[in-house]
C-alpha atoms as a PDB file:
ATOM      1  CA  UNK A   1     -66.038  11.785  22.668  1.00  0.00           C
ATOM      2  CA  UNK A   2     -68.254   8.454  23.438  1.00  0.00           C
ATOM      3  CA  UNK A   3     -67.457   6.685  26.610  1.00  0.00           C
ATOM      4  CA  UNK A   4     -66.425   2.435  25.995  1.00  0.00           C
ATOM      5  CA  UNK A   5     -68.139   0.453  28.809  1.00  0.00           C
ATOM      6  CA  UNK A   6     -65.454  -2.247  29.982  1.00  0.00           C
ATOM      7  CA  UNK A   7     -62.587   0.123  29.034  1.00  0.00           C
ATOM      8  CA  UNK A   8     -60.315   2.409  30.485  1.00  0.00           C
ATOM      9  CA  UNK A   9     -61.462   5.861  29.126  1.00  0.00           C
ATOM     10  CA  UNK A  10     -58.853   8.212  28.759  1.00  0.00           C
ATOM     11  CA  UNK A  11     -58.479  11.421  27.054  1.00  0.00           C
ATOM     12  CA  UNK A  12     -56.598  15.105  27.914  1.00  0.00           C
ATOM     13  CA  UNK A  13     -59.773  17.386  27.094  1.00  0.00           C
ATOM     14  CA  UNK A  14     -62.524  15.249  28.143  1.00  0.00           C
ATOM     15  CA  UNK A  15     -64.940  15.153  31.106  1.00  0.00           C
ATOM     16  CA  UNK A  16     -66.712  12.105  29.680  1.00  0.00           C
ATOM     17  CA  UNK A  17     -63.384   9.959  30.780  1.00  0.00           C
ATOM     18  CA  UNK A  18     -62.226   7.907  33.513  1.00  0.00           C
ATOM     19  CA  UNK A  19     -58.648   9.376  33.469  1.00  0.00           C
ATOM     20  CA  UNK A  20     -58.151  12.848  32.284  1.00  0.00           C
ATOM     21  CA  UNK A  21     -54.593  12.305  31.235  1.00  0.00           C
ATOM     22  CA  UNK A  22     -51.998  12.882  28.003  1.00  0.00           C
ATOM     23  CA  UNK A  23     -51.614   9.066  26.516  1.00  0.00           C
ATOM     24  CA  UNK A  24     -47.789  10.070  26.199  1.00  0.00           C
ATOM     25  CA  UNK A  25     -47.335  10.010  30.037  1.00  0.00           C
ATOM     26  CA  UNK A  26     -49.251   6.802  30.843  1.00  0.00           C
ATOM     27  CA  UNK A  27     -47.077   4.560  32.489  1.00  0.00           C
ATOM     28  CA  UNK A  28     -49.047   1.049  32.448  1.00  0.00           C
ATOM     29  CA  UNK A  29     -47.601  -2.681  33.869  1.00  0.00           C
ATOM     30  CA  UNK A  30     -46.241  -4.689  31.525  1.00  0.00           C
ATOM     31  CA  UNK A  31     -48.174  -7.678  30.400  1.00  0.00           C
ATOM     32  CA  UNK A  32     -51.731  -6.237  31.814  1.00  0.00           C
ATOM     33  CA  UNK A  33     -53.683  -5.215  29.051  1.00  0.00           C
ATOM     34  CA  UNK A  34     -55.092  -7.310  26.161  1.00  0.00           C
ATOM     35  CA  UNK A  35     -56.723  -4.321  24.166  1.00  0.00           C
ATOM     36  CA  UNK A  36     -56.031  -0.595  23.409  1.00  0.00           C
ATOM     37  CA  UNK A  37     -58.501   1.530  21.211  1.00  0.00           C
ATOM     38  CA  UNK A  38     -57.006   4.380  19.859  1.00  0.00           C
ATOM     39  CA  UNK A  39     -59.778   6.839  18.106  1.00  0.00           C
ATOM     40  CA  UNK A  40     -58.526  10.137  16.932  1.00  0.00           C
ATOM     41  CA  UNK A  41     -55.432  10.679  19.030  1.00  0.00           C
ATOM     42  CA  UNK A  42     -52.756   9.125  16.635  1.00  0.00           C
ATOM     43  CA  UNK A  43     -52.369  12.432  14.807  1.00  0.00           C
ATOM     44  CA  UNK A  44     -51.705  14.737  17.747  1.00  0.00           C
ATOM     45  CA  UNK A  45     -48.612  12.555  18.640  1.00  0.00           C
ATOM     46  CA  UNK A  46     -46.119  14.121  16.565  1.00  0.00           C
ATOM     47  CA  UNK A  47     -44.379  12.288  13.616  1.00  0.00           C
ATOM     48  CA  UNK A  48     -41.141  11.222  15.580  1.00  0.00           C
ATOM     49  CA  UNK A  49     -43.271  10.138  18.654  1.00  0.00           C
ATOM     50  CA  UNK A  50     -45.855   7.550  17.538  1.00  0.00           C
ATOM     51  CA  UNK A  51     -43.261   4.895  17.031  1.00  0.00           C
ATOM     52  CA  UNK A  52     -41.969   4.983  20.550  1.00  0.00           C
ATOM     53  CA  UNK A  53     -45.344   4.926  21.498  1.00  0.00           C
ATOM     54  CA  UNK A  54     -46.932   1.897  19.824  1.00  0.00           C
ATOM     55  CA  UNK A  55     -43.513  -0.077  21.555  1.00  0.00           C
ATOM     56  CA  UNK A  56     -44.898   0.929  24.812  1.00  0.00           C
ATOM     57  CA  UNK A  57     -48.347  -0.148  24.063  1.00  0.00           C
ATOM     58  CA  UNK A  58     -46.721  -3.640  22.632  1.00  0.00           C
ATOM     59  CA  UNK A  59     -45.321  -3.886  26.108  1.00  0.00           C
ATOM     60  CA  UNK A  60     -48.414  -3.417  27.703  1.00  0.00           C
ATOM     61  CA  UNK A  61     -50.463  -6.291  26.155  1.00  0.00           C
ATOM     62  CA  UNK A  62     -50.188  -9.883  27.751  1.00  0.00           C
ATOM     63  CA  UNK A  63     -50.037 -12.721  25.062  1.00  0.00           C
ATOM     64  CA  UNK A  64     -51.341 -11.813  22.075  1.00  0.00           C
ATOM     65  CA  UNK A  65     -52.878  -7.910  22.444  1.00  0.00           C
ATOM     66  CA  UNK A  66     -54.700  -6.233  19.783  1.00  0.00           C
ATOM     67  CA  UNK A  67     -54.393  -2.952  18.900  1.00  0.00           C
ATOM     68  CA  UNK A  68     -57.454  -0.892  17.292  1.00  0.00           C
ATOM     69  CA  UNK A  69     -56.694   3.083  15.735  1.00  0.00           C
ATOM     70  CA  UNK A  70     -59.000   4.955  14.409  1.00  0.00           C
ATOM     71  CA  UNK A  71     -58.252   7.507  11.992  1.00  0.00           C
ATOM     72  CA  UNK A  72     -60.260  10.695  11.240  1.00  0.00           C
ATOM     73  CA  UNK A  73     -59.148  10.528   7.644  1.00  0.00           C
ATOM     74  CA  UNK A  74     -56.349   8.670   6.818  1.00  0.00           C
ATOM     75  CA  UNK A  75     -55.847  11.057   3.120  1.00  0.00           C
ATOM     76  CA  UNK A  76     -55.618  14.311   5.335  1.00  0.00           C
ATOM     77  CA  UNK A  77     -53.471  12.769   8.148  1.00  0.00           C
ATOM     78  CA  UNK A  78     -50.058  12.688   6.852  1.00  0.00           C
ATOM     79  CA  UNK A  79     -51.084  17.047   5.897  1.00  0.00           C
ATOM     80  CA  UNK A  80     -51.673  17.463   9.614  1.00  0.00           C
ATOM     81  CA  UNK A  81     -48.191  16.413  10.842  1.00  0.00           C
ATOM     82  CA  UNK A  82     -46.158  18.846  11.137  1.00  0.00           C
ATOM     83  CA  UNK A  83     -43.165  19.151   9.334  1.00  0.00           C
ATOM     84  CA  UNK A  84     -39.644  18.762  11.220  1.00  0.00           C
END
């Protein structure tokens, strides 16, 4: 994982972060941030948790927040989500 300057770097399994935490457990103040970058993490959340998680992220944005999501491989992504 690469450390991004100017951001709060969060990861549950890395030692190169500012906060070692599960992103689903984050409690940030509403309307407190301008941008969220999610790198390779969405596929680990689980199909039924993604939409509620994105709604929580939306509540954190002040003004016109920006969400950037990077996927490892968009073609293989659906196969990595467990079938319920």
